[in-house]
Amino acid sequence: MRYLFLPSLRRAIVFFAVSCGLLTSANAQTWNSNSSNPWQGRLRGDDQQRFDNYYKKWIENRERKDKSEIASMEVRMLEVYSHNGIPSNVPYDYVASPNVALPSNG
């Protein structure tokens, strides 16, 4: 009599394992559908251009160690975040367009 619960326990374990696998698979597909970065492509065209401009200036100011301009660009980038529902702890490079901060060849 004490072994009667084993088939139902096995079913529960299998169900749990399959459910976890499906959830993991769904999360992986969501993550990979946006170039492995869920934040890229979230901004509208005008917001993306403005953010990329701020981000590029932010990097240039960091290279020059211009603290007041660094802070100014951070405020502006965070305003774009706020306007688009992006948490403030998301790194700026996750939102910037790919290759936006590469040095120009000229």
C-alpha atoms as a PDB file:
ATOM      1  CA  MET A   1       0.000   0.000   0.000  1.00  0.00           C
ATOM      2  CA  ARG A   2       2.764   2.440   0.751  1.00  0.00           C
ATOM      3  CA  TYR A   3       3.986   2.388  -2.893  1.00  0.00           C
ATOM      4  CA  LEU A   4       0.664   3.496  -4.394  1.00  0.00           C
ATOM      5  CA  PHE A   5       1.680   7.151  -4.362  1.00  0.00           C
ATOM      6  CA  LEU A   6       4.763   6.584  -6.558  1.00  0.00           C
ATOM      7  CA  PRO A   7       3.014   6.727  -9.971  1.00  0.00           C
ATOM      8  CA  SER A   8       1.329  10.024  -9.085  1.00  0.00           C
ATOM      9  CA  LEU A   9       4.587  11.348  -7.641  1.00  0.00           C
ATOM     10  CA  ARG A  10       6.394  10.409 -10.847  1.00  0.00           C
ATOM     11  CA  ARG A  11       3.715  12.167 -12.897  1.00  0.00           C
ATOM     12  CA  ALA A  12       4.092  15.287 -10.757  1.00  0.00           C
ATOM     13  CA  ILE A  13       7.870  15.268 -11.132  1.00  0.00           C
ATOM     14  CA  VAL A  14       7.645  14.771 -14.894  1.00  0.00           C
ATOM     15  CA  PHE A  15       5.045  17.544 -15.167  1.00  0.00           C
ATOM     16  CA  PHE A  16       7.246  19.885 -13.124  1.00  0.00           C
ATOM     17  CA  ALA A  17      10.332  19.098 -15.205  1.00  0.00           C
ATOM     18  CA  VAL A  18       8.495  19.590 -18.491  1.00  0.00           C
ATOM     19  CA  SER A  19       6.956  22.860 -17.252  1.00  0.00           C
ATOM     20  CA  CYS A  20      10.353  24.215 -16.215  1.00  0.00           C
ATOM     21  CA  GLY A  21      11.814  23.220 -19.550  1.00  0.00           C
ATOM     22  CA  LEU A  22       9.052  24.986 -21.463  1.00  0.00           C
ATOM     23  CA  LEU A  23       9.416  28.148 -19.394  1.00  0.00           C
ATOM     24  CA  THR A  24      13.172  28.162 -19.881  1.00  0.00           C
ATOM     25  CA  SER A  25      12.719  27.631 -23.601  1.00  0.00           C
ATOM     26  CA  ALA A  26      10.197  30.483 -23.854  1.00  0.00           C
ATOM     27  CA  ASN A  27      12.500  32.849 -21.963  1.00  0.00           C
ATOM     28  CA  ALA A  28      15.452  31.899 -24.155  1.00  0.00           C
ATOM     29  CA  GLN A  29      13.430  32.544 -27.298  1.00  0.00           C
ATOM     30  CA  THR A  30      12.351  35.966 -26.022  1.00  0.00           C
ATOM     31  CA  TRP A  31      15.942  36.859 -25.123  1.00  0.00           C
ATOM     32  CA  ASN A  32      17.349  35.646 -28.462  1.00  0.00           C
ATOM     33  CA  SER A  33      14.651  37.245 -30.600  1.00  0.00           C
ATOM     34  CA  ASN A  34      16.206  40.697 -30.052  1.00  0.00           C
ATOM     35  CA  SER A  35      19.814  40.001 -31.049  1.00  0.00           C
ATOM     36  CA  SER A  36      20.441  38.445 -27.610  1.00  0.00           C
ATOM     37  CA  ASN A  37      19.653  41.796 -26.014  1.00  0.00           C
ATOM     38  CA  PRO A  38      16.056  42.527 -24.993  1.00  0.00           C
ATOM     39  CA  TRP A  39      16.683  46.292 -24.756  1.00  0.00           C
ATOM     40  CA  GLN A  40      17.970  46.930 -28.261  1.00  0.00           C
ATOM     41  CA  GLY A  41      15.283  47.998 -30.669  1.00  0.00           C
ATOM     42  CA  ARG A  42      12.944  49.185 -27.899  1.00  0.00           C
ATOM     43  CA  LEU A  43      13.198  52.881 -28.782  1.00  0.00           C
ATOM     44  CA  ARG A  44      11.290  54.637 -31.555  1.00  0.00           C
ATOM     45  CA  GLY A  45      13.451  56.027 -34.358  1.00  0.00           C
ATOM     46  CA  ASP A  46      13.693  59.593 -33.047  1.00  0.00           C
ATOM     47  CA  ASP A  47      14.349  58.443 -29.477  1.00  0.00           C
ATOM     48  CA  GLN A  48      16.964  55.959 -30.689  1.00  0.00           C
ATOM     49  CA  GLN A  49      18.816  58.632 -32.671  1.00  0.00           C
ATOM     50  CA  ARG A  50      18.757  61.018 -29.728  1.00  0.00           C
ATOM     51  CA  PHE A  51      19.886  58.299 -27.304  1.00  0.00           C
ATOM     52  CA  ASP A  52      22.716  57.215 -29.624  1.00  0.00           C
ATOM     53  CA  ASN A  53      23.874  60.841 -29.874  1.00  0.00           C
ATOM     54  CA  TYR A  54      23.869  61.209 -26.069  1.00  0.00           C
ATOM     55  CA  TYR A  55      25.638  57.868 -25.658  1.00  0.00           C
ATOM     56  CA  LYS A  56      28.381  58.785 -28.143  1.00  0.00           C
ATOM     57  CA  LYS A  57      28.935  62.136 -26.406  1.00  0.00           C
ATOM     58  CA  TRP A  58      28.924  60.362 -23.026  1.00  0.00           C
ATOM     59  CA  ILE A  59      31.749  58.071 -24.189  1.00  0.00           C
ATOM     60  CA  GLU A  60      33.730  60.997 -25.615  1.00  0.00           C
ATOM     61  CA  ASN A  61      33.294  62.911 -22.356  1.00  0.00           C
ATOM     62  CA  ARG A  62      34.456  59.920 -20.339  1.00  0.00           C
ATOM     63  CA  GLU A  63      37.607  59.753 -22.450  1.00  0.00           C
ATOM     64  CA  ARG A  64      38.200  63.468 -21.746  1.00  0.00           C
ATOM     65  CA  LYS A  65      37.225  62.997 -18.076  1.00  0.00           C
ATOM     66  CA  ASP A  66      34.756  65.889 -18.315  1.00  0.00           C
ATOM     67  CA  LYS A  67      32.630  65.097 -15.265  1.00  0.00           C
ATOM     68  CA  SER A  68      29.996  67.784 -15.762  1.00  0.00           C
ATOM     69  CA  GLU A  69      29.334  66.730 -19.365  1.00  0.00           C
ATOM     70  CA  ILE A  70      29.302  63.047 -18.364  1.00  0.00           C
ATOM     71  CA  ALA A  71      26.602  63.840 -15.803  1.00  0.00           C
ATOM     72  CA  SER A  72      24.668  65.934 -18.329  1.00  0.00           C
ATOM     73  CA  MET A  73      24.590  63.091 -20.871  1.00  0.00           C
ATOM     74  CA  GLU A  74      23.575  60.597 -18.162  1.00  0.00           C
ATOM     75  CA  VAL A  75      20.615  62.781 -17.196  1.00  0.00           C
ATOM     76  CA  ARG A  76      19.546  62.988 -20.832  1.00  0.00           C
ATOM     77  CA  MET A  77      19.926  59.240 -21.427  1.00  0.00           C
ATOM     78  CA  LEU A  78      17.929  58.487 -18.276  1.00  0.00           C
ATOM     79  CA  GLU A  79      15.176  60.830 -19.489  1.00  0.00           C
ATOM     80  CA  VAL A  80      14.943  58.720 -22.654  1.00  0.00           C
ATOM     81  CA  TYR A  81      14.845  55.602 -20.440  1.00  0.00           C
ATOM     82  CA  SER A  82      12.024  57.059 -18.355  1.00  0.00           C
ATOM     83  CA  HIS A  83      10.040  58.109 -21.412  1.00  0.00           C
ATOM     84  CA  ASN A  84      10.281  54.565 -22.812  1.00  0.00           C
ATOM     85  CA  GLY A  85       9.772  52.534 -19.619  1.00  0.00           C
ATOM     86  CA  ILE A  86      13.348  51.264 -19.408  1.00  0.00           C
ATOM     87  CA  PRO A  87      14.658  50.673 -15.870  1.00  0.00           C
ATOM     88  CA  SER A  88      17.488  52.991 -14.861  1.00  0.00           C
ATOM     89  CA  ASN A  89      19.773  50.060 -14.015  1.00  0.00           C
ATOM     90  CA  VAL A  90      19.952  48.856 -17.640  1.00  0.00           C
ATOM     91  CA  PRO A  91      23.473  49.562 -18.975  1.00  0.00           C
ATOM     92  CA  TYR A  92      23.574  52.274 -21.638  1.00  0.00           C
ATOM     93  CA  ASP A  93      25.318  50.047 -24.167  1.00  0.00           C
ATOM     94  CA  TYR A  94      22.348  47.645 -24.034  1.00  0.00           C
ATOM     95  CA  VAL A  95      20.080  50.382 -25.419  1.00  0.00           C
ATOM     96  CA  ALA A  96      22.495  52.060 -27.841  1.00  0.00           C
ATOM     97  CA  SER A  97      22.478  50.970 -31.450  1.00  0.00           C
ATOM     98  CA  PRO A  98      25.178  48.450 -32.357  1.00  0.00           C
ATOM     99  CA  ASN A  99      28.507  50.044 -33.279  1.00  0.00           C
ATOM    100  CA  VAL A 100      27.363  53.554 -32.303  1.00  0.00           C
ATOM    101  CA  ALA A 101      30.497  54.223 -30.278  1.00  0.00           C
ATOM    102  CA  LEU A 102      33.071  52.894 -32.718  1.00  0.00           C
ATOM    103  CA  PRO A 103      35.740  55.424 -33.665  1.00  0.00           C
ATOM    104  CA  SER A 104      35.357  56.959 -37.084  1.00  0.00           C
ATOM    105  CA  ASN A 105      37.925  56.138 -39.755  1.00  0.00           C
ATOM    106  CA  GLY A 106      38.777  59.604 -40.889  1.00  0.00           C
END
